[in-house]
Amino acid sequence: MRVRITMSRSPREVEIDIEDLAGFKVEVSKLYADEKEIWWVTDIKGKELGLPVENIGHIEIDTTERERQVGFA
């Protein structure tokens, strides 16, 4: 599944792929419960990003399955 995370102080959108939706939701909930400052994720290009938890605008989860596309659409 693809997840898009927007940051409140940045026009950039972070996209990550997840396999376990329930586990992902628990992880995000713990960020706020444990008052974490930085959330480390790996984006779809393989880059590791440290996201300031206080600046997370919203998280959008796309549950539709898509085939990987290669080339031009």
N, C-alpha and C. Protein backbone atom coordinates (compact mmCIF):
# COMPACT_ATOMS: atom_id res chain seq x y z
N MET A 1 0.84 -1.17 0.00
CA MET A 1 0.00 0.00 0.00
C MET A 1 0.89 1.23 0.00
N ARG A 2 0.39 2.26 -0.60
CA ARG A 2 1.13 3.51 -0.68
C ARG A 2 0.58 4.49 0.36
N VAL A 3 1.48 5.17 1.06
CA VAL A 3 1.11 6.16 2.07
C VAL A 3 1.75 7.49 1.68
N ARG A 4 0.96 8.55 1.72
CA ARG A 4 1.46 9.89 1.45
C ARG A 4 1.39 10.69 2.75
N ILE A 5 2.50 11.34 3.08
CA ILE A 5 2.58 12.13 4.30
C ILE A 5 2.89 13.57 3.90
N THR A 6 2.06 14.49 4.32
CA THR A 6 2.34 15.90 4.06
C THR A 6 2.88 16.54 5.33
N MET A 7 3.73 17.52 5.12
CA MET A 7 4.34 18.23 6.23
C MET A 7 3.76 19.64 6.27
N SER A 8 3.42 20.12 7.46
CA SER A 8 2.73 21.41 7.58
C SER A 8 3.60 22.59 7.18
N ARG A 9 4.90 22.48 7.25
CA ARG A 9 5.76 23.61 6.92
C ARG A 9 6.59 23.37 5.67
N SER A 10 6.10 22.50 4.81
CA SER A 10 6.84 22.17 3.60
C SER A 10 5.86 21.81 2.48
N PRO A 11 6.14 22.25 1.26
CA PRO A 11 5.26 21.86 0.15
C PRO A 11 5.50 20.43 -0.32
N ARG A 12 6.54 19.80 0.21
CA ARG A 12 6.91 18.46 -0.21
C ARG A 12 5.99 17.40 0.41
N GLU A 13 5.74 16.38 -0.37
CA GLU A 13 4.94 15.24 0.08
C GLU A 13 5.86 14.02 0.11
N VAL A 14 5.82 13.24 1.17
CA VAL A 14 6.64 12.04 1.30
C VAL A 14 5.77 10.84 1.00
N GLU A 15 6.25 9.94 0.14
CA GLU A 15 5.51 8.72 -0.17
C GLU A 15 6.31 7.51 0.30
N ILE A 16 5.63 6.59 0.99
CA ILE A 16 6.26 5.35 1.42
C ILE A 16 5.33 4.19 1.07
N ASP A 17 5.91 3.01 0.96
CA ASP A 17 5.13 1.79 0.75
C ASP A 17 5.11 1.02 2.06
N ILE A 18 3.93 0.50 2.42
CA ILE A 18 3.81 -0.32 3.62
C ILE A 18 3.15 -1.64 3.26
N GLU A 19 3.40 -2.64 4.09
CA GLU A 19 2.77 -3.95 3.89
C GLU A 19 1.73 -4.23 4.97
N ASP A 20 1.99 -3.77 6.19
CA ASP A 20 1.12 -4.07 7.33
C ASP A 20 0.39 -2.80 7.75
N LEU A 21 -0.85 -2.63 7.31
CA LEU A 21 -1.61 -1.42 7.60
C LEU A 21 -1.88 -1.26 9.09
N ALA A 22 -2.29 -2.33 9.75
CA ALA A 22 -2.59 -2.25 11.18
C ALA A 22 -1.33 -1.87 11.97
N GLY A 23 -0.20 -2.50 11.64
CA GLY A 23 1.06 -2.19 12.32
C GLY A 23 1.49 -0.75 12.08
N PHE A 24 1.26 -0.25 10.87
CA PHE A 24 1.59 1.12 10.53
C PHE A 24 0.78 2.10 11.38
N LYS A 25 -0.51 1.83 11.51
CA LYS A 25 -1.37 2.71 12.30
C LYS A 25 -0.95 2.72 13.77
N VAL A 26 -0.56 1.57 14.29
CA VAL A 26 -0.09 1.49 15.67
C VAL A 26 1.19 2.30 15.83
N GLU A 27 2.11 2.17 14.85
CA GLU A 27 3.37 2.91 14.90
C GLU A 27 3.12 4.42 14.91
N VAL A 28 2.22 4.89 14.07
CA VAL A 28 1.92 6.32 14.01
C VAL A 28 1.28 6.78 15.33
N SER A 29 0.38 6.00 15.88
CA SER A 29 -0.25 6.35 17.16
C SER A 29 0.78 6.46 18.27
N LYS A 30 1.77 5.56 18.26
CA LYS A 30 2.81 5.58 19.29
C LYS A 30 3.70 6.82 19.18
N LEU A 31 3.85 7.35 17.97
CA LEU A 31 4.65 8.56 17.81
C LEU A 31 4.14 9.67 18.71
N TYR A 32 2.83 9.82 18.74
CA TYR A 32 2.22 10.88 19.53
C TYR A 32 2.11 10.50 21.01
N ALA A 33 1.80 9.25 21.29
CA ALA A 33 1.67 8.81 22.68
C ALA A 33 3.01 8.87 23.40
N ASP A 34 4.09 8.52 22.70
CA ASP A 34 5.42 8.52 23.30
C ASP A 34 6.12 9.87 23.17
N GLU A 35 5.44 10.83 22.56
CA GLU A 35 5.97 12.18 22.35
C GLU A 35 7.32 12.17 21.65
N LYS A 36 7.41 11.36 20.60
CA LYS A 36 8.64 11.31 19.80
C LYS A 36 8.80 12.63 19.05
N GLU A 37 10.04 13.02 18.81
CA GLU A 37 10.30 14.25 18.08
C GLU A 37 10.54 13.99 16.59
N ILE A 38 11.24 12.91 16.29
CA ILE A 38 11.58 12.58 14.90
C ILE A 38 11.07 11.18 14.57
N TRP A 39 10.50 11.04 13.39
CA TRP A 39 10.02 9.75 12.89
C TRP A 39 10.85 9.41 11.67
N TRP A 40 11.59 8.32 11.73
CA TRP A 40 12.44 7.89 10.62
C TRP A 40 11.68 6.94 9.72
N VAL A 41 11.60 7.28 8.43
CA VAL A 41 10.93 6.46 7.43
C VAL A 41 11.83 6.33 6.21
N THR A 42 11.58 5.32 5.40
CA THR A 42 12.28 5.15 4.12
C THR A 42 11.27 5.37 3.02
N ASP A 43 11.55 6.33 2.13
CA ASP A 43 10.59 6.65 1.08
C ASP A 43 10.67 5.64 -0.06
N ILE A 44 9.82 5.80 -1.08
CA ILE A 44 9.73 4.83 -2.16
C ILE A 44 10.98 4.81 -3.03
N LYS A 45 11.83 5.83 -2.91
CA LYS A 45 13.08 5.86 -3.67
C LYS A 45 14.24 5.28 -2.86
N GLY A 46 13.97 4.84 -1.64
CA GLY A 46 14.99 4.22 -0.80
C GLY A 46 15.75 5.20 0.09
N LYS A 47 15.35 6.45 0.11
CA LYS A 47 16.00 7.45 0.96
C LYS A 47 15.42 7.40 2.36
N GLU A 48 16.29 7.50 3.36
CA GLU A 48 15.82 7.58 4.74
C GLU A 48 15.57 9.04 5.09
N LEU A 49 14.40 9.29 5.67
CA LEU A 49 14.01 10.65 6.01
C LEU A 49 13.63 10.74 7.48
N GLY A 50 14.08 11.76 8.14
CA GLY A 50 13.68 12.05 9.51
C GLY A 50 12.61 13.12 9.47
N LEU A 51 11.39 12.77 9.83
CA LEU A 51 10.27 13.71 9.78
C LEU A 51 9.97 14.23 11.17
N PRO A 52 9.97 15.55 11.36
CA PRO A 52 9.59 16.10 12.66
C PRO A 52 8.11 15.80 12.92
N VAL A 53 7.83 15.08 13.98
CA VAL A 53 6.46 14.64 14.27
C VAL A 53 5.52 15.83 14.41
N GLU A 54 5.98 16.91 15.00
CA GLU A 54 5.10 18.06 15.21
C GLU A 54 4.69 18.73 13.90
N ASN A 55 5.40 18.46 12.81
CA ASN A 55 5.09 19.09 11.52
C ASN A 55 4.30 18.20 10.56
N ILE A 56 3.91 17.01 11.01
CA ILE A 56 3.14 16.13 10.13
C ILE A 56 1.76 16.74 9.95
N GLY A 57 1.42 17.04 8.68
CA GLY A 57 0.14 17.65 8.38
C GLY A 57 -0.98 16.61 8.36
N HIS A 58 -0.86 15.64 7.46
CA HIS A 58 -1.81 14.54 7.44
C HIS A 58 -1.17 13.33 6.75
N ILE A 59 -1.79 12.18 6.98
CA ILE A 59 -1.32 10.93 6.41
C ILE A 59 -2.46 10.34 5.60
N GLU A 60 -2.19 10.08 4.33
CA GLU A 60 -3.19 9.53 3.43
C GLU A 60 -2.77 8.11 3.04
N ILE A 61 -3.67 7.15 3.24
CA ILE A 61 -3.37 5.75 2.95
C ILE A 61 -4.17 5.33 1.72
N ASP A 62 -3.47 4.87 0.69
CA ASP A 62 -4.11 4.40 -0.54
C ASP A 62 -4.12 2.88 -0.49
N THR A 63 -5.30 2.30 -0.28
CA THR A 63 -5.40 0.85 -0.11
C THR A 63 -5.63 0.11 -1.41
N THR A 64 -5.74 0.83 -2.53
CA THR A 64 -5.95 0.16 -3.81
C THR A 64 -4.64 -0.46 -4.28
N GLU A 65 -4.73 -1.67 -4.75
CA GLU A 65 -3.55 -2.36 -5.26
C GLU A 65 -3.31 -1.94 -6.70
N ARG A 66 -2.08 -1.63 -7.02
CA ARG A 66 -1.72 -1.24 -8.38
C ARG A 66 -0.55 -2.07 -8.85
N GLU A 67 -0.52 -2.29 -10.12
CA GLU A 67 0.64 -2.96 -10.71
C GLU A 67 1.73 -1.92 -10.91
N ARG A 68 2.97 -2.35 -10.77
CA ARG A 68 4.07 -1.45 -11.04
C ARG A 68 4.10 -1.13 -12.52
N GLN A 69 4.24 0.14 -12.82
CA GLN A 69 4.31 0.56 -14.21
C GLN A 69 5.74 0.84 -14.59
N VAL A 70 6.11 0.40 -15.76
CA VAL A 70 7.46 0.64 -16.26
C VAL A 70 7.32 1.38 -17.58
N GLY A 71 8.13 2.41 -17.75
CA GLY A 71 8.07 3.16 -19.01
C GLY A 71 7.10 4.30 -18.94
N PHE A 72 6.63 4.71 -20.09
CA PHE A 72 5.73 5.85 -20.17
C PHE A 72 4.28 5.39 -20.19
N ALA A 73 3.43 6.19 -19.58
CA ALA A 73 2.01 5.85 -19.54
C ALA A 73 1.27 6.47 -20.70
